[in-house]
C-alpha atoms as a PDB file:
ATOM      1  CA  MET A   1      10.754-158.737-182.313  1.00  0.00           C
ATOM      2  CA  LYS A   2      11.688-159.621-178.736  1.00  0.00           C
ATOM      3  CA  ARG A   3      15.368-159.379-179.654  1.00  0.00           C
ATOM      4  CA  VAL A   4      14.884-155.891-181.094  1.00  0.00           C
ATOM      5  CA  ILE A   5      13.069-154.659-177.986  1.00  0.00           C
ATOM      6  CA  SER A   6      15.541-156.352-175.629  1.00  0.00           C
ATOM      7  CA  ALA A   7      18.544-154.924-177.468  1.00  0.00           C
ATOM      8  CA  SER A   8      16.992-151.449-177.463  1.00  0.00           C
ATOM      9  CA  VAL A   9      16.228-151.586-173.746  1.00  0.00           C
ATOM     10  CA  ILE A  10      19.767-152.765-172.930  1.00  0.00           C
ATOM     11  CA  TRP A  11      21.245-150.009-175.100  1.00  0.00           C
ATOM     12  CA  ALA A  12      19.016-147.396-173.444  1.00  0.00           C
ATOM     13  CA  ALA A  13      19.988-148.547-169.954  1.00  0.00           C
ATOM     14  CA  ALA A  14      23.686-148.467-170.855  1.00  0.00           C
ATOM     15  CA  LEU A  15      23.348-144.990-172.308  1.00  0.00           C
ATOM     16  CA  ALA A  16      21.495-143.686-169.244  1.00  0.00           C
ATOM     17  CA  GLY A  17      23.936-145.346-166.854  1.00  0.00           C
ATOM     18  CA  GLY A  18      26.946-144.033-168.712  1.00  0.00           C
ATOM     19  CA  CYS A  19      26.008-140.383-168.329  1.00  0.00           C
ATOM     20  CA  VAL A  20      28.033-138.676-165.655  1.00  0.00           C
ATOM     21  CA  SER A  21      26.232-135.768-164.096  1.00  0.00           C
ATOM     22  CA  SER A  22      27.060-133.500-161.239  1.00  0.00           C
ATOM     23  CA  THR A  23      25.416-134.445-157.961  1.00  0.00           C
ATOM     24  CA  PRO A  24      25.212-132.648-154.621  1.00  0.00           C
ATOM     25  CA  ALA A  25      27.909-135.026-153.318  1.00  0.00           C
ATOM     26  CA  THR A  26      30.347-134.179-156.121  1.00  0.00           C
ATOM     27  CA  ARG A  27      29.675-130.452-155.737  1.00  0.00           C
ATOM     28  CA  ILE A  28      30.230-130.705-151.963  1.00  0.00           C
ATOM     29  CA  GLU A  29      33.542-132.515-152.602  1.00  0.00           C
ATOM     30  CA  GLN A  30      34.623-129.646-154.866  1.00  0.00           C
ATOM     31  CA  HIS A  31      33.851-126.964-152.234  1.00  0.00           C
ATOM     32  CA  PRO A  32      34.222-128.591-148.781  1.00  0.00           C
ATOM     33  CA  ALA A  33      35.169-125.399-146.904  1.00  0.00           C
ATOM     34  CA  VAL A  34      32.122-123.492-148.179  1.00  0.00           C
ATOM     35  CA  PHE A  35      29.830-126.411-147.309  1.00  0.00           C
ATOM     36  CA  ALA A  36      31.350-126.833-143.816  1.00  0.00           C
ATOM     37  CA  ALA A  37      30.600-123.191-142.959  1.00  0.00           C
ATOM     38  CA  TRP A  38      26.835-123.651-143.324  1.00  0.00           C
ATOM     39  CA  PRO A  39      24.489-124.671-140.475  1.00  0.00           C
ATOM     40  CA  GLU A  40      23.765-128.402-140.138  1.00  0.00           C
ATOM     41  CA  ALA A  41      20.138-127.994-141.284  1.00  0.00           C
ATOM     42  CA  VAL A  42      21.300-126.299-144.506  1.00  0.00           C
ATOM     43  CA  GLN A  43      23.924-129.017-145.049  1.00  0.00           C
ATOM     44  CA  ALA A  44      21.255-131.727-144.738  1.00  0.00           C
ATOM     45  CA  LYS A  45      19.022-129.994-147.321  1.00  0.00           C
ATOM     46  CA  VAL A  46      21.912-129.467-149.739  1.00  0.00           C
ATOM     47  CA  ARG A  47      23.015-133.122-149.396  1.00  0.00           C
ATOM     48  CA  ALA A  48      19.453-134.150-150.304  1.00  0.00           C
ATOM     49  CA  GLY A  49      19.417-131.848-153.349  1.00  0.00           C
ATOM     50  CA  GLN A  50      16.744-129.615-151.833  1.00  0.00           C
ATOM     51  CA  VAL A  51      16.476-125.847-151.471  1.00  0.00           C
ATOM     52  CA  GLU A  52      14.363-123.598-149.291  1.00  0.00           C
ATOM     53  CA  VAL A  53      13.464-119.954-148.842  1.00  0.00           C
ATOM     54  CA  GLY A  54      16.406-118.000-147.433  1.00  0.00           C
ATOM     55  CA  PHE A  55      19.131-119.973-149.260  1.00  0.00           C
ATOM     56  CA  THR A  56      21.918-118.042-150.977  1.00  0.00           C
ATOM     57  CA  PRO A  57      22.877-118.587-154.629  1.00  0.00           C
ATOM     58  CA  ASP A  58      25.887-120.688-153.489  1.00  0.00           C
ATOM     59  CA  MET A  59      23.626-122.970-151.460  1.00  0.00           C
ATOM     60  CA  VAL A  60      21.266-123.437-154.413  1.00  0.00           C
ATOM     61  CA  ARG A  61      24.165-124.120-156.799  1.00  0.00           C
ATOM     62  CA  MET A  62      25.581-126.761-154.484  1.00  0.00           C
ATOM     63  CA  ALA A  63      22.176-128.426-154.016  1.00  0.00           C
ATOM     64  CA  LEU A  64      20.918-128.261-157.615  1.00  0.00           C
ATOM     65  CA  GLY A  65      23.861-127.362-159.847  1.00  0.00           C
ATOM     66  CA  GLU A  66      23.940-124.568-162.388  1.00  0.00           C
ATOM     67  CA  PRO A  67      20.537-123.343-163.616  1.00  0.00           C
ATOM     68  CA  ASP A  68      19.569-124.108-167.205  1.00  0.00           C
ATOM     69  CA  ARG A  69      18.242-120.585-167.694  1.00  0.00           C
ATOM     70  CA  VAL A  70      18.397-117.342-165.760  1.00  0.00           C
ATOM     71  CA  ARG A  71      15.809-114.594-166.143  1.00  0.00           C
ATOM     72  CA  SER A  72      15.213-111.343-164.361  1.00  0.00           C
ATOM     73  CA  LEU A  73      11.967-109.700-163.411  1.00  0.00           C
ATOM     74  CA  VAL A  74      11.595-106.011-162.629  1.00  0.00           C
ATOM     75  CA  THR A  75       8.636-104.900-160.515  1.00  0.00           C
ATOM     76  CA  PRO A  76       7.902-101.744-158.502  1.00  0.00           C
ATOM     77  CA  GLN A  77       9.359-103.614-155.511  1.00  0.00           C
ATOM     78  CA  GLY A  78      12.695-104.170-157.276  1.00  0.00           C
ATOM     79  CA  ARG A  79      14.535-106.709-159.400  1.00  0.00           C
ATOM     80  CA  SER A  80      14.216-110.476-158.952  1.00  0.00           C
ATOM     81  CA  GLU A  81      16.409-113.132-160.516  1.00  0.00           C
ATOM     82  CA  ILE A  82      14.775-116.389-161.584  1.00  0.00           C
ATOM     83  CA  TRP A  83      16.779-119.595-161.980  1.00  0.00           C
ATOM     84  CA  ILE A  84      15.070-122.238-164.093  1.00  0.00           C
ATOM     85  CA  PHE A  85      15.977-125.934-163.853  1.00  0.00           C
ATOM     86  CA  PHE A  86      14.959-128.609-166.353  1.00  0.00           C
ATOM     87  CA  ASP A  87      14.555-132.365-166.021  1.00  0.00           C
ATOM     88  CA  HIS A  88      17.384-133.814-168.126  1.00  0.00           C
ATOM     89  CA  GLY A  89      16.740-137.461-167.278  1.00  0.00           C
ATOM     90  CA  PRO A  90      16.409-140.010-170.030  1.00  0.00           C
ATOM     91  CA  HIS A  91      12.989-140.373-171.612  1.00  0.00           C
ATOM     92  CA  PHE A  92      11.963-143.840-172.762  1.00  0.00           C
ATOM     93  CA  SER A  93       9.404-144.761-175.382  1.00  0.00           C
ATOM     94  CA  ILE A  94       8.185-148.068-176.781  1.00  0.00           C
ATOM     95  CA  GLY A  95       6.137-148.541-179.923  1.00  0.00           C
ATOM     96  CA  LEU A  96       4.387-151.591-181.345  1.00  0.00           C
ATOM     97  CA  GLY A  97       2.647-151.982-184.668  1.00  0.00           C
ATOM     98  CA  VAL A  98       0.543-154.590-186.459  1.00  0.00           C
ATOM     99  CA  GLY A  99      -0.568-154.516-190.079  1.00  0.00           C
ATOM    100  CA  VAL A 100      -2.578-156.767-192.376  1.00  0.00           C
ATOM    101  CA  SER A 101      -2.622-156.514-196.157  1.00  0.00           C
ATOM    102  CA  SER A 102      -3.763-159.085-198.767  1.00  0.00           C
ATOM    103  CA  GLY A 103      -3.687-161.931-196.297  1.00  0.00           C
ATOM    104  CA  HIS A 104      -0.197-161.101-194.993  1.00  0.00           C
ATOM    105  CA  ASN A 105       0.481-160.034-191.444  1.00  0.00           C
ATOM    106  CA  ALA A 106       3.262-157.686-190.414  1.00  0.00           C
ATOM    107  CA  TYR A 107       4.492-156.910-186.938  1.00  0.00           C
ATOM    108  CA  GLY A 108       6.980-154.342-185.753  1.00  0.00           C
ATOM    109  CA  GLY A 109       8.240-152.700-182.649  1.00  0.00           C
ATOM    110  CA  GLY A 110      10.890-150.442-181.282  1.00  0.00           C
ATOM    111  CA  ALA A 111      12.165-148.733-178.209  1.00  0.00           C
ATOM    112  CA  GLY A 112      13.992-145.477-177.842  1.00  0.00           C
ATOM    113  CA  VAL A 113      15.656-143.278-175.309  1.00  0.00           C
ATOM    114  CA  GLY A 114      16.538-139.649-175.559  1.00  0.00           C
ATOM    115  CA  ALA A 115      17.084-136.443-173.700  1.00  0.00           C
ATOM    116  CA  GLY A 116      16.566-133.158-175.446  1.00  0.00           C
ATOM    117  CA  PRO A 117      18.795-130.154-174.882  1.00  0.00           C
ATOM    118  CA  ASP A 118      16.332-128.633-172.426  1.00  0.00           C
ATOM    119  CA  GLY A 119      14.021-131.379-171.210  1.00  0.00           C
ATOM    120  CA  GLU A 120      10.940-130.266-169.319  1.00  0.00           C
ATOM    121  CA  GLU A 121      10.944-127.431-166.833  1.00  0.00           C
ATOM    122  CA  ARG A 122      10.775-128.793-163.284  1.00  0.00           C
ATOM    123  CA  LEU A 123      11.709-125.961-160.925  1.00  0.00           C
ATOM    124  CA  ARG A 124      12.063-122.174-160.671  1.00  0.00           C
ATOM    125  CA  VAL A 125      14.003-120.571-157.841  1.00  0.00           C
ATOM    126  CA  ILE A 126      13.366-116.854-157.342  1.00  0.00           C
ATOM    127  CA  PHE A 127      15.939-114.618-155.655  1.00  0.00           C
ATOM    128  CA  ASP A 128      15.275-111.218-154.108  1.00  0.00           C
ATOM    129  CA  GLY A 129      18.088-109.362-152.379  1.00  0.00           C
ATOM    130  CA  GLY A 130      20.514-112.265-152.881  1.00  0.00           C
ATOM    131  CA  LYS A 131      18.354-114.883-151.117  1.00  0.00           C
ATOM    132  CA  VAL A 132      15.693-117.344-152.242  1.00  0.00           C
ATOM    133  CA  SER A 133      12.312-115.677-151.797  1.00  0.00           C
ATOM    134  CA  ALA A 134      10.158-118.282-153.576  1.00  0.00           C
ATOM    135  CA  ILE A 135      10.361-121.752-155.100  1.00  0.00           C
ATOM    136  CA  GLU A 136       8.006-122.774-157.888  1.00  0.00           C
ATOM    137  CA  THR A 137       7.682-126.430-158.849  1.00  0.00           C
ATOM    138  CA  VAL A 138       5.926-127.944-161.842  1.00  0.00           C
ATOM    139  CA  LYS A 139       3.297-130.532-160.971  1.00  0.00           C
ATOM    140  CA  CYS A 140       2.026-132.992-163.542  1.00  0.00           C
ATOM    141  CA  GLY A 141      -1.599-133.938-163.984  1.00  0.00           C
ATOM    142  CA  ARG A 142      -2.903-137.455-164.660  1.00  0.00           C
ATOM    143  CA  SER A 143      -1.874-137.350-168.309  1.00  0.00           C
ATOM    144  CA  GLY A 144       1.726-136.570-167.368  1.00  0.00           C
ATOM    145  CA  SER A 145       1.595-133.092-168.833  1.00  0.00           C
ATOM    146  CA  PRO A 146       2.239-130.052-166.638  1.00  0.00           C
ATOM    147  CA  SER A 147      -0.896-128.649-165.067  1.00  0.00           C
END
């Protein structure tokens, strides 16, 4: 059983490590002139993968990448655009089982890793008039489910 779990964990780590994703650093390398034109405080936030109220869509894209979903909201005050970002990180699970039947014992176990097409929603960035007007984050309760 230990070999099965160990092999599964090694495979999961290799799979997670092998995924190449866009980072703020790689996006900055792709658009150095745009990045250089921003104030130092904005550059520091973007490098850290953070956004704040007042950012433009280009600043958010460089900090966070492309949104997973885009929605619009129409109110009496006007139209807002909402960018939704999901957590695409690997999700690990481990299962163990024990069974007894007619004097025989059985043991089993397994480990798995996966990432669904969407993952869990982690952040919404709301734009009004071409600038970030609000940032909504998802907080998890004690059970790990969004609250």
